[in-house]
């Protein structure tokens, strides 16, 4: 199957995406419908890349510091 993954920007911090957080669900739980769809079409689903806190930390410096993590995600995806 074809490789597929999600790249997600989440406005708030990671701890808010938990049973005890503001949104009560993890990103993994929120993306399950996508995972099921990818399974249905026999795609090779990879873990999502989640960029948390962009709403609170949107300085250019903070974003630039996050680029290596995203590049690593893309590199691992292409293997």
PDB file of N, CA and C in Angstrom:
ATOM      1  N   UNK A   1       0.802  -1.187   0.000  1.00  0.00           N
ATOM      2  CA  UNK A   1       0.000   0.000   0.000  1.00  0.00           C
ATOM      3  C   UNK A   1       0.850   1.258   0.000  1.00  0.00           C
ATOM      4  N   UNK A   2       0.230   2.320  -0.332  1.00  0.00           N
ATOM      5  CA  UNK A   2       0.896   3.620  -0.338  1.00  0.00           C
ATOM      6  C   UNK A   2       1.070   4.127   1.087  1.00  0.00           C
ATOM      7  N   UNK A   3       2.197   4.791   1.329  1.00  0.00           N
ATOM      8  CA  UNK A   3       2.453   5.374   2.646  1.00  0.00           C
ATOM      9  C   UNK A   3       1.619   6.638   2.804  1.00  0.00           C
ATOM     10  N   UNK A   4       1.118   6.823   4.025  1.00  0.00           N
ATOM     11  CA  UNK A   4       0.337   8.023   4.315  1.00  0.00           C
ATOM     12  C   UNK A   4       0.525   8.390   5.784  1.00  0.00           C
ATOM     13  N   UNK A   5       0.519   9.674   6.055  1.00  0.00           N
ATOM     14  CA  UNK A   5       0.624  10.176   7.427  1.00  0.00           C
ATOM     15  C   UNK A   5      -0.065  11.531   7.487  1.00  0.00           C
ATOM     16  N   UNK A   6      -0.370  11.937   8.685  1.00  0.00           N
ATOM     17  CA  UNK A   6      -0.988  13.242   8.897  1.00  0.00           C
ATOM     18  C   UNK A   6       0.031  14.180   9.536  1.00  0.00           C
ATOM     19  N   UNK A   7       0.035  15.419   9.104  1.00  0.00           N
ATOM     20  CA  UNK A   7       0.799  16.485   9.753  1.00  0.00           C
ATOM     21  C   UNK A   7      -0.236  17.469  10.283  1.00  0.00           C
ATOM     22  N   UNK A   8      -0.240  17.648  11.592  1.00  0.00           N
ATOM     23  CA  UNK A   8      -1.306  18.398  12.256  1.00  0.00           C
ATOM     24  C   UNK A   8      -0.719  19.561  13.053  1.00  0.00           C
ATOM     25  N   UNK A   9      -1.331  20.730  12.928  1.00  0.00           N
ATOM     26  CA  UNK A   9      -0.992  21.828  13.830  1.00  0.00           C
ATOM     27  C   UNK A   9      -2.114  21.950  14.846  1.00  0.00           C
ATOM     28  N   UNK A  10      -1.734  21.971  16.104  1.00  0.00           N
ATOM     29  CA  UNK A  10      -2.693  22.090  17.197  1.00  0.00           C
ATOM     30  C   UNK A  10      -2.407  23.400  17.922  1.00  0.00           C
ATOM     31  N   UNK A  11      -3.400  24.218  18.060  1.00  0.00           N
ATOM     32  CA  UNK A  11      -3.200  25.543  18.620  1.00  0.00           C
ATOM     33  C   UNK A  11      -2.713  25.573  20.053  1.00  0.00           C
ATOM     34  N   UNK A  12      -3.110  24.594  20.854  1.00  0.00           N
ATOM     35  CA  UNK A  12      -2.748  24.647  22.269  1.00  0.00           C
ATOM     36  C   UNK A  12      -1.751  23.554  22.613  1.00  0.00           C
ATOM     37  N   UNK A  13      -1.312  23.552  23.855  1.00  0.00           N
ATOM     38  CA  UNK A  13      -0.284  22.613  24.298  1.00  0.00           C
ATOM     39  C   UNK A  13      -0.789  21.173  24.337  1.00  0.00           C
ATOM     40  N   UNK A  14       0.162  20.250  24.250  1.00  0.00           N
ATOM     41  CA  UNK A  14      -0.145  18.820  24.168  1.00  0.00           C
ATOM     42  C   UNK A  14      -0.970  18.327  25.353  1.00  0.00           C
ATOM     43  N   UNK A  15      -0.688  18.812  26.566  1.00  0.00           N
ATOM     44  CA  UNK A  15      -1.406  18.300  27.745  1.00  0.00           C
ATOM     45  C   UNK A  15      -2.910  18.594  27.696  1.00  0.00           C
ATOM     46  N   UNK A  16      -3.332  19.531  26.855  1.00  0.00           N
ATOM     47  CA  UNK A  16      -4.764  19.819  26.719  1.00  0.00           C
ATOM     48  C   UNK A  16      -5.484  18.756  25.889  1.00  0.00           C
ATOM     49  N   UNK A  17      -4.712  17.972  25.146  1.00  0.00           N
ATOM     50  CA  UNK A  17      -5.277  16.861  24.360  1.00  0.00           C
ATOM     51  C   UNK A  17      -5.088  15.569  25.150  1.00  0.00           C
ATOM     52  N   UNK A  18      -5.834  15.438  26.236  1.00  0.00           N
ATOM     53  CA  UNK A  18      -5.781  14.275  27.124  1.00  0.00           C
ATOM     54  C   UNK A  18      -7.136  14.158  27.812  1.00  0.00           C
ATOM     55  N   UNK A  19      -7.385  13.015  28.428  1.00  0.00           N
ATOM     56  CA  UNK A  19      -8.665  12.803  29.113  1.00  0.00           C
ATOM     57  C   UNK A  19      -8.931  13.900  30.143  1.00  0.00           C
ATOM     58  N   UNK A  20      -7.875  14.381  30.785  1.00  0.00           N
ATOM     59  CA  UNK A  20      -8.040  15.416  31.810  1.00  0.00           C
ATOM     60  C   UNK A  20      -7.828  16.832  31.269  1.00  0.00           C
ATOM     61  N   UNK A  21      -7.589  16.961  29.965  1.00  0.00           N
ATOM     62  CA  UNK A  21      -7.323  18.272  29.373  1.00  0.00           C
ATOM     63  C   UNK A  21      -8.574  18.960  28.864  1.00  0.00           C
ATOM     64  N   UNK A  22      -8.367  20.125  28.320  1.00  0.00           N
ATOM     65  CA  UNK A  22      -9.470  20.957  27.828  1.00  0.00           C
ATOM     66  C   UNK A  22     -10.309  20.248  26.769  1.00  0.00           C
ATOM     67  N   UNK A  23      -9.655  19.495  25.880  1.00  0.00           N
ATOM     68  CA  UNK A  23     -10.378  18.860  24.774  1.00  0.00           C
ATOM     69  C   UNK A  23     -10.758  17.405  25.030  1.00  0.00           C
ATOM     70  N   UNK A  24     -10.343  16.836  26.163  1.00  0.00           N
ATOM     71  CA  UNK A  24     -10.750  15.514  26.663  1.00  0.00           C
ATOM     72  C   UNK A  24     -10.351  14.319  25.802  1.00  0.00           C
ATOM     73  N   UNK A  25      -9.739  14.526  24.677  1.00  0.00           N
ATOM     74  CA  UNK A  25      -9.323  13.426  23.811  1.00  0.00           C
ATOM     75  C   UNK A  25      -7.894  13.657  23.350  1.00  0.00           C
ATOM     76  N   UNK A  26      -7.186  12.563  23.096  1.00  0.00           N
ATOM     77  CA  UNK A  26      -5.843  12.675  22.541  1.00  0.00           C
ATOM     78  C   UNK A  26      -5.950  12.889  21.035  1.00  0.00           C
ATOM     79  N   UNK A  27      -4.883  13.354  20.444  1.00  0.00           N
ATOM     80  CA  UNK A  27      -4.869  13.514  18.988  1.00  0.00           C
ATOM     81  C   UNK A  27      -5.062  12.156  18.323  1.00  0.00           C
ATOM     82  N   UNK A  28      -4.486  11.114  18.910  1.00  0.00           N
ATOM     83  CA  UNK A  28      -4.656   9.766  18.354  1.00  0.00           C
ATOM     84  C   UNK A  28      -6.129   9.369  18.329  1.00  0.00           C
ATOM     85  N   UNK A  29      -6.859   9.696  19.394  1.00  0.00           N
ATOM     86  CA  UNK A  29      -8.292   9.388  19.424  1.00  0.00           C
ATOM     87  C   UNK A  29      -9.058  10.219  18.390  1.00  0.00           C
ATOM     88  N   UNK A  30      -8.695  11.465  18.253  1.00  0.00           N
ATOM     89  CA  UNK A  30      -9.383  12.348  17.306  1.00  0.00           C
ATOM     90  C   UNK A  30      -9.134  11.961  15.852  1.00  0.00           C
ATOM     91  N   UNK A  31      -8.015  11.311  15.589  1.00  0.00           N
ATOM     92  CA  UNK A  31      -7.680  10.950  14.202  1.00  0.00           C
ATOM     93  C   UNK A  31      -8.025   9.501  13.858  1.00  0.00           C
ATOM     94  N   UNK A  32      -8.672   8.786  14.757  1.00  0.00           N
ATOM     95  CA  UNK A  32      -9.037   7.393  14.471  1.00  0.00           C
ATOM     96  C   UNK A  32      -9.857   7.209  13.202  1.00  0.00           C
ATOM     97  N   UNK A  33     -10.820   8.073  12.902  1.00  0.00           N
ATOM     98  CA  UNK A  33     -11.559   7.893  11.637  1.00  0.00           C
ATOM     99  C   UNK A  33     -10.636   7.905  10.418  1.00  0.00           C
ATOM    100  N   UNK A  34      -9.603   8.741  10.442  1.00  0.00           N
ATOM    101  CA  UNK A  34      -8.634   8.743   9.343  1.00  0.00           C
ATOM    102  C   UNK A  34      -7.898   7.412   9.288  1.00  0.00           C
ATOM    103  N   UNK A  35      -7.478   6.930  10.457  1.00  0.00           N
ATOM    104  CA  UNK A  35      -6.756   5.661  10.539  1.00  0.00           C
ATOM    105  C   UNK A  35      -7.597   4.525   9.956  1.00  0.00           C
ATOM    106  N   UNK A  36      -8.874   4.496  10.280  1.00  0.00           N
ATOM    107  CA  UNK A  36      -9.759   3.459   9.745  1.00  0.00           C
ATOM    108  C   UNK A  36      -9.907   3.573   8.232  1.00  0.00           C
ATOM    109  N   UNK A  37     -10.002   4.795   7.741  1.00  0.00           N
ATOM    110  CA  UNK A  37     -10.088   5.003   6.293  1.00  0.00           C
ATOM    111  C   UNK A  37      -8.824   4.517   5.606  1.00  0.00           C
ATOM    112  N   UNK A  38      -7.667   4.837   6.176  1.00  0.00           N
ATOM    113  CA  UNK A  38      -6.398   4.405   5.590  1.00  0.00           C
ATOM    114  C   UNK A  38      -6.283   2.883   5.598  1.00  0.00           C
ATOM    115  N   UNK A  39      -6.789   2.262   6.659  1.00  0.00           N
ATOM    116  CA  UNK A  39      -6.791   0.801   6.716  1.00  0.00           C
ATOM    117  C   UNK A  39      -7.699   0.236   5.625  1.00  0.00           C
ATOM    118  N   UNK A  40      -8.849   0.845   5.440  1.00  0.00           N
ATOM    119  CA  UNK A  40      -9.805   0.389   4.434  1.00  0.00           C
ATOM    120  C   UNK A  40      -9.203   0.408   3.032  1.00  0.00           C
ATOM    121  N   UNK A  41      -8.428   1.444   2.723  1.00  0.00           N
ATOM    122  CA  UNK A  41      -7.830   1.547   1.388  1.00  0.00           C
ATOM    123  C   UNK A  41      -6.451   0.881   1.325  1.00  0.00           C
ATOM    124  N   UNK A  42      -6.110   0.140   2.382  1.00  0.00           N
ATOM    125  CA  UNK A  42      -4.857  -0.620   2.466  1.00  0.00           C
ATOM    126  C   UNK A  42      -3.616   0.263   2.331  1.00  0.00           C
ATOM    127  N   UNK A  43      -3.674   1.435   2.945  1.00  0.00           N
ATOM    128  CA  UNK A  43      -2.520   2.334   2.960  1.00  0.00           C
ATOM    129  C   UNK A  43      -1.624   1.984   4.144  1.00  0.00           C
ATOM    130  N   UNK A  44      -0.362   2.277   4.010  1.00  0.00           N
ATOM    131  CA  UNK A  44       0.624   2.069   5.066  1.00  0.00           C
ATOM    132  C   UNK A  44       0.627   3.326   5.935  1.00  0.00           C
ATOM    133  N   UNK A  45      -0.195   3.325   6.973  1.00  0.00           N
ATOM    134  CA  UNK A  45      -0.381   4.512   7.814  1.00  0.00           C
ATOM    135  C   UNK A  45       0.758   4.652   8.805  1.00  0.00           C
ATOM    136  N   UNK A  46       1.336   5.831   8.839  1.00  0.00           N
ATOM    137  CA  UNK A  46       2.418   6.155   9.776  1.00  0.00           C
ATOM    138  C   UNK A  46       1.877   7.076  10.857  1.00  0.00           C
ATOM    139  N   UNK A  47       2.547   7.103  11.991  1.00  0.00           N
ATOM    140  CA  UNK A  47       2.133   7.985  13.093  1.00  0.00           C
ATOM    141  C   UNK A  47       2.105   9.439  12.629  1.00  0.00           C
ATOM    142  N   UNK A  48       1.174  10.220  13.163  1.00  0.00           N
ATOM    143  CA  UNK A  48       1.085  11.620  12.741  1.00  0.00           C
ATOM    144  C   UNK A  48       2.195  12.487  13.342  1.00  0.00           C
ATOM    145  N   UNK A  49       2.493  13.555  12.653  1.00  0.00           N
ATOM    146  CA  UNK A  49       3.355  14.606  13.195  1.00  0.00           C
ATOM    147  C   UNK A  49       2.414  15.658  13.751  1.00  0.00           C
ATOM    148  N   UNK A  50       2.584  15.998  15.017  1.00  0.00           N
ATOM    149  CA  UNK A  50       1.707  16.998  15.630  1.00  0.00           C
ATOM    150  C   UNK A  50       2.563  18.155  16.141  1.00  0.00           C
ATOM    151  N   UNK A  51       2.220  19.324  15.702  1.00  0.00           N
ATOM    152  CA  UNK A  51       2.904  20.554  16.071  1.00  0.00           C
ATOM    153  C   UNK A  51       2.008  21.264  17.075  1.00  0.00           C
ATOM    154  N   UNK A  52       2.288  21.061  18.368  1.00  0.00           N
ATOM    155  CA  UNK A  52       1.447  21.612  19.433  1.00  0.00           C
ATOM    156  C   UNK A  52       1.833  23.053  19.772  1.00  0.00           C
ATOM    157  N   UNK A  53       0.872  23.808  20.244  1.00  0.00           N
ATOM    158  CA  UNK A  53       1.112  25.107  20.842  1.00  0.00           C
ATOM    159  C   UNK A  53       1.362  26.261  19.902  1.00  0.00           C
ATOM    160  N   UNK A  54       1.037  26.121  18.643  1.00  0.00           N
ATOM    161  CA  UNK A  54       1.330  27.185  17.684  1.00  0.00           C
ATOM    162  C   UNK A  54       0.588  28.478  18.031  1.00  0.00           C
ATOM    163  N   UNK A  55      -0.569  28.368  18.631  1.00  0.00           N
ATOM    164  CA  UNK A  55      -1.332  29.570  18.995  1.00  0.00           C
ATOM    165  C   UNK A  55      -0.606  30.395  20.061  1.00  0.00           C
ATOM    166  N   UNK A  56       0.067  29.702  20.968  1.00  0.00           N
ATOM    167  CA  UNK A  56       0.747  30.380  22.073  1.00  0.00           C
ATOM    168  C   UNK A  56       2.208  30.693  21.766  1.00  0.00           C
ATOM    169  N   UNK A  57       2.803  29.954  20.844  1.00  0.00           N
ATOM    170  CA  UNK A  57       4.237  30.062  20.566  1.00  0.00           C
ATOM    171  C   UNK A  57       4.488  30.275  19.086  1.00  0.00           C
ATOM    172  N   UNK A  58       4.024  31.363  18.552  1.00  0.00           N
ATOM    173  CA  UNK A  58       4.138  31.534  17.106  1.00  0.00           C
ATOM    174  C   UNK A  58       5.271  32.470  16.684  1.00  0.00           C
ATOM    175  N   UNK A  59       6.244  32.668  17.560  1.00  0.00           N
ATOM    176  CA  UNK A  59       7.366  33.516  17.163  1.00  0.00           C
ATOM    177  C   UNK A  59       8.156  32.808  16.063  1.00  0.00           C
ATOM    178  N   UNK A  60       8.790  33.591  15.238  1.00  0.00           N
ATOM    179  CA  UNK A  60       9.569  33.027  14.141  1.00  0.00           C
ATOM    180  C   UNK A  60      10.674  32.112  14.671  1.00  0.00           C
ATOM    181  N   UNK A  61      11.295  32.524  15.767  1.00  0.00           N
ATOM    182  CA  UNK A  61      12.373  31.725  16.373  1.00  0.00           C
ATOM    183  C   UNK A  61      11.852  30.359  16.824  1.00  0.00           C
ATOM    184  N   UNK A  62      10.696  30.347  17.485  1.00  0.00           N
ATOM    185  CA  UNK A  62      10.136  29.089  17.982  1.00  0.00           C
ATOM    186  C   UNK A  62       9.784  28.162  16.819  1.00  0.00           C
ATOM    187  N   UNK A  63       9.221  28.733  15.776  1.00  0.00           N
ATOM    188  CA  UNK A  63       8.865  27.932  14.602  1.00  0.00           C
ATOM    189  C   UNK A  63      10.121  27.371  13.948  1.00  0.00           C
ATOM    190  N   UNK A  64      11.156  28.203  13.798  1.00  0.00           N
ATOM    191  CA  UNK A  64      12.408  27.739  13.199  1.00  0.00           C
ATOM    192  C   UNK A  64      13.035  26.607  14.005  1.00  0.00           C
ATOM    193  N   UNK A  65      12.919  26.661  15.329  1.00  0.00           N
ATOM    194  CA  UNK A  65      13.460  25.596  16.175  1.00  0.00           C
ATOM    195  C   UNK A  65      12.689  24.295  15.994  1.00  0.00           C
ATOM    196  N   UNK A  66      11.465  24.378  15.518  1.00  0.00           N
ATOM    197  CA  UNK A  66      10.639  23.192  15.316  1.00  0.00           C
ATOM    198  C   UNK A  66      10.869  22.531  13.965  1.00  0.00           C
ATOM    199  N   UNK A  67      11.479  23.235  13.046  1.00  0.00           N
ATOM    200  CA  UNK A  67      11.688  22.712  11.693  1.00  0.00           C
ATOM    201  C   UNK A  67      12.467  21.397  11.689  1.00  0.00           C
ATOM    202  N   UNK A  68      13.562  21.248  12.458  1.00  0.00           N
ATOM    203  CA  UNK A  68      14.293  19.971  12.422  1.00  0.00           C
ATOM    204  C   UNK A  68      13.425  18.755  12.779  1.00  0.00           C
ATOM    205  N   UNK A  69      12.502  18.921  13.728  1.00  0.00           N
ATOM    206  CA  UNK A  69      11.599  17.814  14.082  1.00  0.00           C
ATOM    207  C   UNK A  69      10.724  17.420  12.903  1.00  0.00           C
ATOM    208  N   UNK A  70      10.217  18.415  12.189  1.00  0.00           N
ATOM    209  CA  UNK A  70       9.370  18.140  11.030  1.00  0.00           C
ATOM    210  C   UNK A  70      10.188  17.513   9.906  1.00  0.00           C
ATOM    211  N   UNK A  71      11.398  17.989   9.701  1.00  0.00           N
ATOM    212  CA  UNK A  71      12.268  17.418   8.671  1.00  0.00           C
ATOM    213  C   UNK A  71      12.588  15.957   8.992  1.00  0.00           C
ATOM    214  N   UNK A  72      12.800  15.649  10.272  1.00  0.00           N
ATOM    215  CA  UNK A  72      13.043  14.263  10.687  1.00  0.00           C
ATOM    216  C   UNK A  72      11.815  13.407  10.375  1.00  0.00           C
ATOM    217  N   UNK A  73      10.630  13.933  10.662  1.00  0.00           N
ATOM    218  CA  UNK A  73       9.382  13.233  10.359  1.00  0.00           C
ATOM    219  C   UNK A  73       9.295  12.919   8.866  1.00  0.00           C
ATOM    220  N   UNK A  74       9.586  13.910   8.025  1.00  0.00           N
ATOM    221  CA  UNK A  74       9.537  13.705   6.575  1.00  0.00           C
ATOM    222  C   UNK A  74      10.574  12.691   6.115  1.00  0.00           C
ATOM    223  N   UNK A  75      11.769  12.754   6.701  1.00  0.00           N
ATOM    224  CA  UNK A  75      12.830  11.817   6.343  1.00  0.00           C
ATOM    225  C   UNK A  75      12.429  10.387   6.697  1.00  0.00           C
ATOM    226  N   UNK A  76      11.895  10.185   7.900  1.00  0.00           N
ATOM    227  CA  UNK A  76      11.466   8.844   8.319  1.00  0.00           C
ATOM    228  C   UNK A  76      10.296   8.359   7.472  1.00  0.00           C
ATOM    229  N   UNK A  77       9.431   9.262   7.068  1.00  0.00           N
ATOM    230  CA  UNK A  77       8.289   8.899   6.234  1.00  0.00           C
ATOM    231  C   UNK A  77       8.742   8.394   4.868  1.00  0.00           C
ATOM    232  N   UNK A  78       9.790   8.978   4.344  1.00  0.00           N
ATOM    233  CA  UNK A  78      10.233   8.619   2.989  1.00  0.00           C
ATOM    234  C   UNK A  78      10.992   7.299   2.930  1.00  0.00           C
ATOM    235  N   UNK A  79      11.273   6.696   4.059  1.00  0.00           N
ATOM    236  CA  UNK A  79      12.005   5.413   4.067  1.00  0.00           C
ATOM    237  C   UNK A  79      11.080   4.249   3.856  1.00  0.00           C
TER     238      UNK A  79
END
